[in-house]
PDB file of N, CA and C in Angstrom:
ATOM      1  N   MET A   1       0.890  -1.247   0.061  1.00  0.00           N
ATOM      2  CA  MET A   1      -0.002   0.001   0.023  1.00  0.00           C
ATOM      3  C   MET A   1       0.885   1.268   0.013  1.00  0.00           C
ATOM      4  N   SER A   2       0.590   2.226  -0.732  1.00  0.00           N
ATOM      5  CA  SER A   2       1.317   3.415  -0.906  1.00  0.00           C
ATOM      6  C   SER A   2       0.297   4.548  -0.850  1.00  0.00           C
ATOM      7  N   GLY A   3       0.766   5.739  -0.542  1.00  0.00           N
ATOM      8  CA  GLY A   3      -0.095   6.974  -0.543  1.00  0.00           C
ATOM      9  C   GLY A   3       0.682   8.269  -0.410  1.00  0.00           C
ATOM     10  N   ASP A   4      -0.052   9.388  -0.887  1.00  0.00           N
ATOM     11  CA  ASP A   4       0.417  10.679  -0.714  1.00  0.00           C
ATOM     12  C   ASP A   4      -0.563  11.574   0.005  1.00  0.00           C
ATOM     13  N   HIS A   5      -0.171  12.312   1.013  1.00  0.00           N
ATOM     14  CA  HIS A   5      -1.035  13.222   1.776  1.00  0.00           C
ATOM     15  C   HIS A   5      -0.890  14.638   1.371  1.00  0.00           C
ATOM     16  N   HIS A   6      -1.976  15.313   1.243  1.00  0.00           N
ATOM     17  CA  HIS A   6      -1.929  16.793   0.768  1.00  0.00           C
ATOM     18  C   HIS A   6      -3.050  17.397   1.583  1.00  0.00           C
ATOM     19  N   ASN A   7      -2.706  18.720   2.023  1.00  0.00           N
ATOM     20  CA  ASN A   7      -3.682  19.586   2.801  1.00  0.00           C
ATOM     21  C   ASN A   7      -4.019  20.626   1.916  1.00  0.00           C
ATOM     22  N   ASP A   8      -5.348  20.938   1.922  1.00  0.00           N
ATOM     23  CA  ASP A   8      -5.812  22.303   1.142  1.00  0.00           C
ATOM     24  C   ASP A   8      -6.123  23.367   2.070  1.00  0.00           C
ATOM     25  N   LYS A   9      -6.597  24.368   1.661  1.00  0.00           N
ATOM     26  CA  LYS A   9      -6.967  25.663   2.466  1.00  0.00           C
ATOM     27  C   LYS A   9      -8.072  25.524   3.497  1.00  0.00           C
ATOM     28  N   GLU A  10      -8.880  24.461   3.394  1.00  0.00           N
ATOM     29  CA  GLU A  10      -9.978  24.388   4.249  1.00  0.00           C
ATOM     30  C   GLU A  10      -9.760  23.384   5.250  1.00  0.00           C
ATOM     31  N   ALA A  11      -8.481  22.999   5.663  1.00  0.00           N
ATOM     32  CA  ALA A  11      -8.247  22.113   6.677  1.00  0.00           C
ATOM     33  C   ALA A  11      -8.800  20.624   6.294  1.00  0.00           C
ATOM     34  N   MET A  12      -8.937  20.299   5.102  1.00  0.00           N
ATOM     35  CA  MET A  12      -9.508  18.941   4.664  1.00  0.00           C
ATOM     36  C   MET A  12      -8.115  18.207   4.224  1.00  0.00           C
ATOM     37  N   SER A  13      -8.233  16.912   4.639  1.00  0.00           N
ATOM     38  CA  SER A  13      -6.999  16.037   4.369  1.00  0.00           C
ATOM     39  C   SER A  13      -7.492  15.205   3.105  1.00  0.00           C
ATOM     40  N   ILE A  14      -6.554  15.200   2.067  1.00  0.00           N
ATOM     41  CA  ILE A  14      -6.763  14.414   0.987  1.00  0.00           C
ATOM     42  C   ILE A  14      -5.715  13.282   0.842  1.00  0.00           C
ATOM     43  N   TYR A  15      -6.232  12.074   0.600  1.00  0.00           N
ATOM     44  CA  TYR A  15      -5.226  10.970   0.514  1.00  0.00           C
ATOM     45  C   TYR A  15      -5.389  10.317  -0.875  1.00  0.00           C
ATOM     46  N   CYS A  16      -4.400   9.957  -1.434  1.00  0.00           N
ATOM     47  CA  CYS A  16      -4.520   9.080  -2.645  1.00  0.00           C
ATOM     48  C   CYS A  16      -3.844   7.808  -2.343  1.00  0.00           C
ATOM     49  N   ILE A  17      -4.513   6.744  -2.263  1.00  0.00           N
ATOM     50  CA  ILE A  17      -3.900   5.421  -1.794  1.00  0.00           C
ATOM     51  C   ILE A  17      -4.220   4.410  -2.922  1.00  0.00           C
ATOM     52  N   THR A  18      -3.127   3.602  -3.253  1.00  0.00           N
ATOM     53  CA  THR A  18      -3.184   2.426  -4.034  1.00  0.00           C
ATOM     54  C   THR A  18      -3.127   1.163  -3.249  1.00  0.00           C
ATOM     55  N   LEU A  19      -4.114   0.362  -3.342  1.00  0.00           N
ATOM     56  CA  LEU A  19      -4.141  -0.994  -2.701  1.00  0.00           C
ATOM     57  C   LEU A  19      -3.777  -2.105  -3.758  1.00  0.00           C
ATOM     58  N   ASN A  20      -2.731  -2.807  -3.402  1.00  0.00           N
ATOM     59  CA  ASN A  20      -2.109  -3.814  -4.187  1.00  0.00           C
ATOM     60  C   ASN A  20      -2.837  -5.192  -3.905  1.00  0.00           C
ATOM     61  N   GLY A  21      -3.112  -5.946  -4.885  1.00  0.00           N
ATOM     62  CA  GLY A  21      -3.735  -7.344  -4.756  1.00  0.00           C
ATOM     63  C   GLY A  21      -5.227  -7.247  -4.751  1.00  0.00           C
ATOM     64  N   PRO A  22      -5.809  -8.442  -4.701  1.00  0.00           N
ATOM     65  CA  PRO A  22      -7.270  -8.478  -4.819  1.00  0.00           C
ATOM     66  C   PRO A  22      -7.896  -8.296  -3.334  1.00  0.00           C
ATOM     67  N   ALA A  23      -9.165  -7.897  -3.322  1.00  0.00           N
ATOM     68  CA  ALA A  23      -9.940  -7.717  -2.022  1.00  0.00           C
ATOM     69  C   ALA A  23     -10.008  -9.015  -1.433  1.00  0.00           C
ATOM     70  N   PRO A  24     -10.149  -9.272  -0.104  1.00  0.00           N
ATOM     71  CA  PRO A  24     -10.430  -8.202   0.934  1.00  0.00           C
ATOM     72  C   PRO A  24      -9.251  -7.635   1.407  1.00  0.00           C
ATOM     73  N   TRP A  25      -9.146  -6.308   1.741  1.00  0.00           N
ATOM     74  CA  TRP A  25      -8.003  -5.661   2.484  1.00  0.00           C
ATOM     75  C   TRP A  25      -8.148  -5.532   3.868  1.00  0.00           C
ATOM     76  N   GLY A  26      -9.263  -5.806   4.367  1.00  0.00           N
ATOM     77  CA  GLY A  26      -9.421  -5.828   5.959  1.00  0.00           C
ATOM     78  C   GLY A  26      -9.929  -4.636   6.553  1.00  0.00           C
ATOM     79  N   PHE A  27     -10.624  -3.750   5.680  1.00  0.00           N
ATOM     80  CA  PHE A  27     -11.345  -2.657   6.417  1.00  0.00           C
ATOM     81  C   PHE A  27     -12.488  -2.184   5.575  1.00  0.00           C
ATOM     82  N   ARG A  28     -13.448  -1.512   6.144  1.00  0.00           N
ATOM     83  CA  ARG A  28     -14.635  -1.138   5.462  1.00  0.00           C
ATOM     84  C   ARG A  28     -14.694   0.554   5.442  1.00  0.00           C
ATOM     85  N   LEU A  29     -14.991   1.256   4.303  1.00  0.00           N
ATOM     86  CA  LEU A  29     -15.047   2.581   4.378  1.00  0.00           C
ATOM     87  C   LEU A  29     -16.536   2.953   4.416  1.00  0.00           C
ATOM     88  N   GLN A  30     -16.999   4.049   5.024  1.00  0.00           N
ATOM     89  CA  GLN A  30     -18.230   4.568   5.201  1.00  0.00           C
ATOM     90  C   GLN A  30     -18.400   6.048   4.950  1.00  0.00           C
ATOM     91  N   GLY A  31     -19.470   6.417   4.257  1.00  0.00           N
ATOM     92  CA  GLY A  31     -19.637   7.916   3.948  1.00  0.00           C
ATOM     93  C   GLY A  31     -19.147   8.211   2.643  1.00  0.00           C
ATOM     94  N   GLY A  32     -18.713   9.437   2.507  1.00  0.00           N
ATOM     95  CA  GLY A  32     -18.148   9.989   1.263  1.00  0.00           C
ATOM     96  C   GLY A  32     -18.878  11.033   0.605  1.00  0.00           C
ATOM     97  N   LYS A  33     -18.371  11.608  -0.454  1.00  0.00           N
ATOM     98  CA  LYS A  33     -19.057  12.767  -1.064  1.00  0.00           C
ATOM     99  C   LYS A  33     -20.461  12.425  -1.614  1.00  0.00           C
ATOM    100  N   ASP A  34     -20.690  11.176  -2.091  1.00  0.00           N
ATOM    101  CA  ASP A  34     -22.118  10.817  -2.481  1.00  0.00           C
ATOM    102  C   ASP A  34     -23.047  10.781  -1.359  1.00  0.00           C
ATOM    103  N   PHE A  35     -22.594  10.609  -0.172  1.00  0.00           N
ATOM    104  CA  PHE A  35     -23.580  10.600   1.031  1.00  0.00           C
ATOM    105  C   PHE A  35     -23.578  11.915   1.925  1.00  0.00           C
ATOM    106  N   SER A  36     -22.735  12.915   1.279  1.00  0.00           N
ATOM    107  CA  SER A  36     -22.500  14.165   2.015  1.00  0.00           C
ATOM    108  C   SER A  36     -22.092  14.038   3.443  1.00  0.00           C
ATOM    109  N   MET A  37     -21.218  12.922   3.597  1.00  0.00           N
ATOM    110  CA  MET A  37     -20.537  12.690   4.925  1.00  0.00           C
ATOM    111  C   MET A  37     -19.049  12.573   4.848  1.00  0.00           C
ATOM    112  N   PRO A  38     -18.487  12.806   5.816  1.00  0.00           N
ATOM    113  CA  PRO A  38     -16.924  12.574   5.754  1.00  0.00           C
ATOM    114  C   PRO A  38     -16.614  10.923   5.433  1.00  0.00           C
ATOM    115  N   LEU A  39     -15.593  10.719   4.815  1.00  0.00           N
ATOM    116  CA  LEU A  39     -15.265   9.245   4.529  1.00  0.00           C
ATOM    117  C   LEU A  39     -14.442   8.862   5.772  1.00  0.00           C
ATOM    118  N   THR A  40     -14.927   7.782   6.292  1.00  0.00           N
ATOM    119  CA  THR A  40     -14.350   7.346   7.582  1.00  0.00           C
ATOM    120  C   THR A  40     -14.164   5.756   7.394  1.00  0.00           C
ATOM    121  N   VAL A  41     -13.074   5.098   8.109  1.00  0.00           N
ATOM    122  CA  VAL A  41     -12.958   3.723   8.167  1.00  0.00           C
ATOM    123  C   VAL A  41     -13.813   3.279   9.322  1.00  0.00           C
ATOM    124  N   SER A  42     -14.857   2.431   8.979  1.00  0.00           N
ATOM    125  CA  SER A  42     -15.789   1.991   9.909  1.00  0.00           C
ATOM    126  C   SER A  42     -15.573   0.680  10.663  1.00  0.00           C
ATOM    127  N   ARG A  43     -14.645  -0.055   9.994  1.00  0.00           N
ATOM    128  CA  ARG A  43     -14.335  -1.511  10.607  1.00  0.00           C
ATOM    129  C   ARG A  43     -12.937  -1.818  10.127  1.00  0.00           C
ATOM    130  N   VAL A  44     -12.225  -2.427  10.887  1.00  0.00           N
ATOM    131  CA  VAL A  44     -10.888  -2.987  10.657  1.00  0.00           C
ATOM    132  C   VAL A  44     -10.853  -4.335  11.092  1.00  0.00           C
ATOM    133  N   SER A  45     -10.381  -5.390  10.137  1.00  0.00           N
ATOM    134  CA  SER A  45     -10.320  -6.777  10.798  1.00  0.00           C
ATOM    135  C   SER A  45      -8.974  -7.360  10.243  1.00  0.00           C
ATOM    136  N   CYS A  46      -8.597  -8.360  10.832  1.00  0.00           N
ATOM    137  CA  CYS A  46      -7.340  -8.988  10.617  1.00  0.00           C
ATOM    138  C   CYS A  46      -7.599  -9.973   9.306  1.00  0.00           C
ATOM    139  N   VAL A  47      -6.876  -9.791   8.229  1.00  0.00           N
ATOM    140  CA  VAL A  47      -6.871 -10.757   7.089  1.00  0.00           C
ATOM    141  C   VAL A  47      -5.647 -11.429   6.983  1.00  0.00           C
ATOM    142  N   CYS A  48      -5.761 -12.572   7.691  1.00  0.00           N
ATOM    143  CA  CYS A  48      -4.521 -13.442   7.778  1.00  0.00           C
ATOM    144  C   CYS A  48      -4.483 -14.503   6.888  1.00  0.00           C
TER     145      CYS A  48
END
């Protein structure tokens, strides 16, 4: 996994992330622009 972090003028964090390999990656995202809510990690699980 790799990523770059950028901050803009409105104190918003923007991350560009590339996930290598097929799913599952062990986490669930919730919210986002389509839902007018912040994008958050809602669950993290061990993928062993």
